[in-house]
Amino acid sequence: MDTARFNARLSLEQKALFERASILGGYRSLTDFIFKTAQMKAEEIIKENEKIIASERDSQLFYDVVTKGKAPSRNLKNAYKAYQEFQKTIK
């Protein structure tokens, strides 16, 4: 695994808060706490953003199909007829 160095300056209040949280959370060190919680938050943000992007893309695809879609194929029409016949048998 490749590694990179990351430097940050914290206020004394931030450092005390983070140290307390790392101890209460059972983390091995302050560094471990900061990197693990930052990674979890980063993954959460990325996942949420990807959902929004996918949702927007899905909305556009749906709109395009509804407004610019082609007529149903013969296979799709036959499948729909078969489905309707099946529905009659289970009622």
Protein backbone atom coordinates (compact mmCIF):
# COMPACT_ATOMS: atom_id res chain seq x y z
CA MET A 1 0.00 0.00 0.00
CA ASP A 2 1.37 3.40 -0.95
CA THR A 3 1.26 6.04 1.73
CA ALA A 4 1.28 9.81 1.83
CA ARG A 5 1.91 12.28 4.59
CA PHE A 6 -0.86 14.57 5.85
CA ASN A 7 -0.18 17.52 8.14
CA ALA A 8 -2.80 19.57 9.92
CA ARG A 9 -2.91 22.21 12.60
CA LEU A 10 -5.60 21.97 15.27
CA SER A 11 -6.68 24.42 17.89
CA LEU A 12 -6.05 23.26 21.44
CA GLU A 13 -9.80 22.88 21.90
CA GLN A 14 -10.11 20.68 18.81
CA LYS A 15 -7.18 18.52 19.89
CA ALA A 16 -8.66 18.03 23.36
CA LEU A 17 -12.07 17.20 21.91
CA PHE A 18 -10.65 14.74 19.39
CA GLU A 19 -8.42 13.10 22.00
CA ARG A 20 -11.34 12.63 24.36
CA ALA A 21 -13.48 11.16 21.59
CA SER A 22 -10.68 8.83 20.50
CA ILE A 23 -10.29 7.53 24.05
CA LEU A 24 -14.04 7.12 24.58
CA GLY A 25 -14.37 5.48 21.17
CA GLY A 26 -11.63 2.97 21.91
CA TYR A 27 -9.35 4.08 19.11
CA ARG A 28 -5.64 3.20 19.30
CA SER A 29 -4.52 6.81 18.88
CA LEU A 30 -5.65 10.29 17.97
CA THR A 31 -4.34 9.75 14.45
CA ASP A 32 -6.30 6.50 14.14
CA PHE A 33 -9.47 8.28 15.30
CA ILE A 34 -9.05 11.20 12.92
CA PHE A 35 -8.29 9.11 9.85
CA LYS A 36 -10.96 6.47 10.47
CA THR A 37 -13.71 8.98 11.16
CA ALA A 38 -12.64 11.16 8.25
CA GLN A 39 -12.66 8.12 5.97
CA MET A 40 -16.13 7.08 7.14
CA LYS A 41 -17.46 10.60 6.54
CA ALA A 42 -15.77 10.81 3.13
CA GLU A 43 -17.30 7.48 2.06
CA GLU A 44 -20.73 8.63 3.30
CA ILE A 45 -20.49 11.90 1.35
CA ILE A 46 -19.35 10.13 -1.82
CA LYS A 47 -22.08 7.49 -1.55
CA GLU A 48 -24.78 10.14 -1.07
CA ASN A 49 -23.43 12.19 -3.98
CA GLU A 50 -23.35 9.14 -6.24
CA LYS A 51 -26.97 8.39 -5.32
CA ILE A 52 -27.97 11.91 -6.32
CA ILE A 53 -26.07 11.67 -9.60
CA ALA A 54 -27.62 8.26 -10.34
CA SER A 55 -31.07 9.59 -9.46
CA GLU A 56 -30.65 12.55 -11.80
CA ARG A 57 -29.37 10.24 -14.56
CA ASP A 58 -32.27 7.82 -13.99
CA SER A 59 -34.76 10.69 -14.12
CA GLN A 60 -33.32 11.87 -17.42
CA LEU A 61 -33.40 8.33 -18.86
CA PHE A 62 -37.02 7.88 -17.77
CA TYR A 63 -38.00 11.23 -19.26
CA ASP A 64 -36.26 10.41 -22.52
CA VAL A 65 -37.99 7.04 -22.77
CA VAL A 66 -41.41 8.53 -22.04
CA THR A 67 -41.04 11.48 -24.39
CA LYS A 68 -38.84 10.03 -27.11
CA GLY A 69 -39.35 6.32 -26.69
CA LYS A 70 -39.97 3.94 -29.53
CA ALA A 71 -43.20 2.03 -29.97
CA PRO A 72 -43.25 -1.32 -28.16
CA SER A 73 -41.83 -4.23 -30.12
CA ARG A 74 -43.90 -7.23 -31.18
CA ASN A 75 -42.23 -9.31 -28.44
CA LEU A 76 -43.19 -6.76 -25.80
CA LYS A 77 -46.77 -6.61 -27.07
CA ASN A 78 -46.97 -10.43 -27.01
CA ALA A 79 -45.57 -10.51 -23.49
CA TYR A 80 -48.18 -7.97 -22.38
CA LYS A 81 -50.99 -10.01 -23.93
CA ALA A 82 -49.68 -13.14 -22.21
CA TYR A 83 -49.54 -11.25 -18.92
CA GLN A 84 -53.13 -10.07 -19.34
CA GLU A 85 -54.24 -13.65 -20.04
CA PHE A 86 -52.35 -14.87 -16.99
CA GLN A 87 -54.01 -12.21 -14.82
CA LYS A 88 -57.43 -13.46 -15.93
CA THR A 89 -56.59 -16.98 -14.76
CA ILE A 90 -55.63 -15.95 -11.24
CA LYS A 91 -58.67 -13.75 -10.52
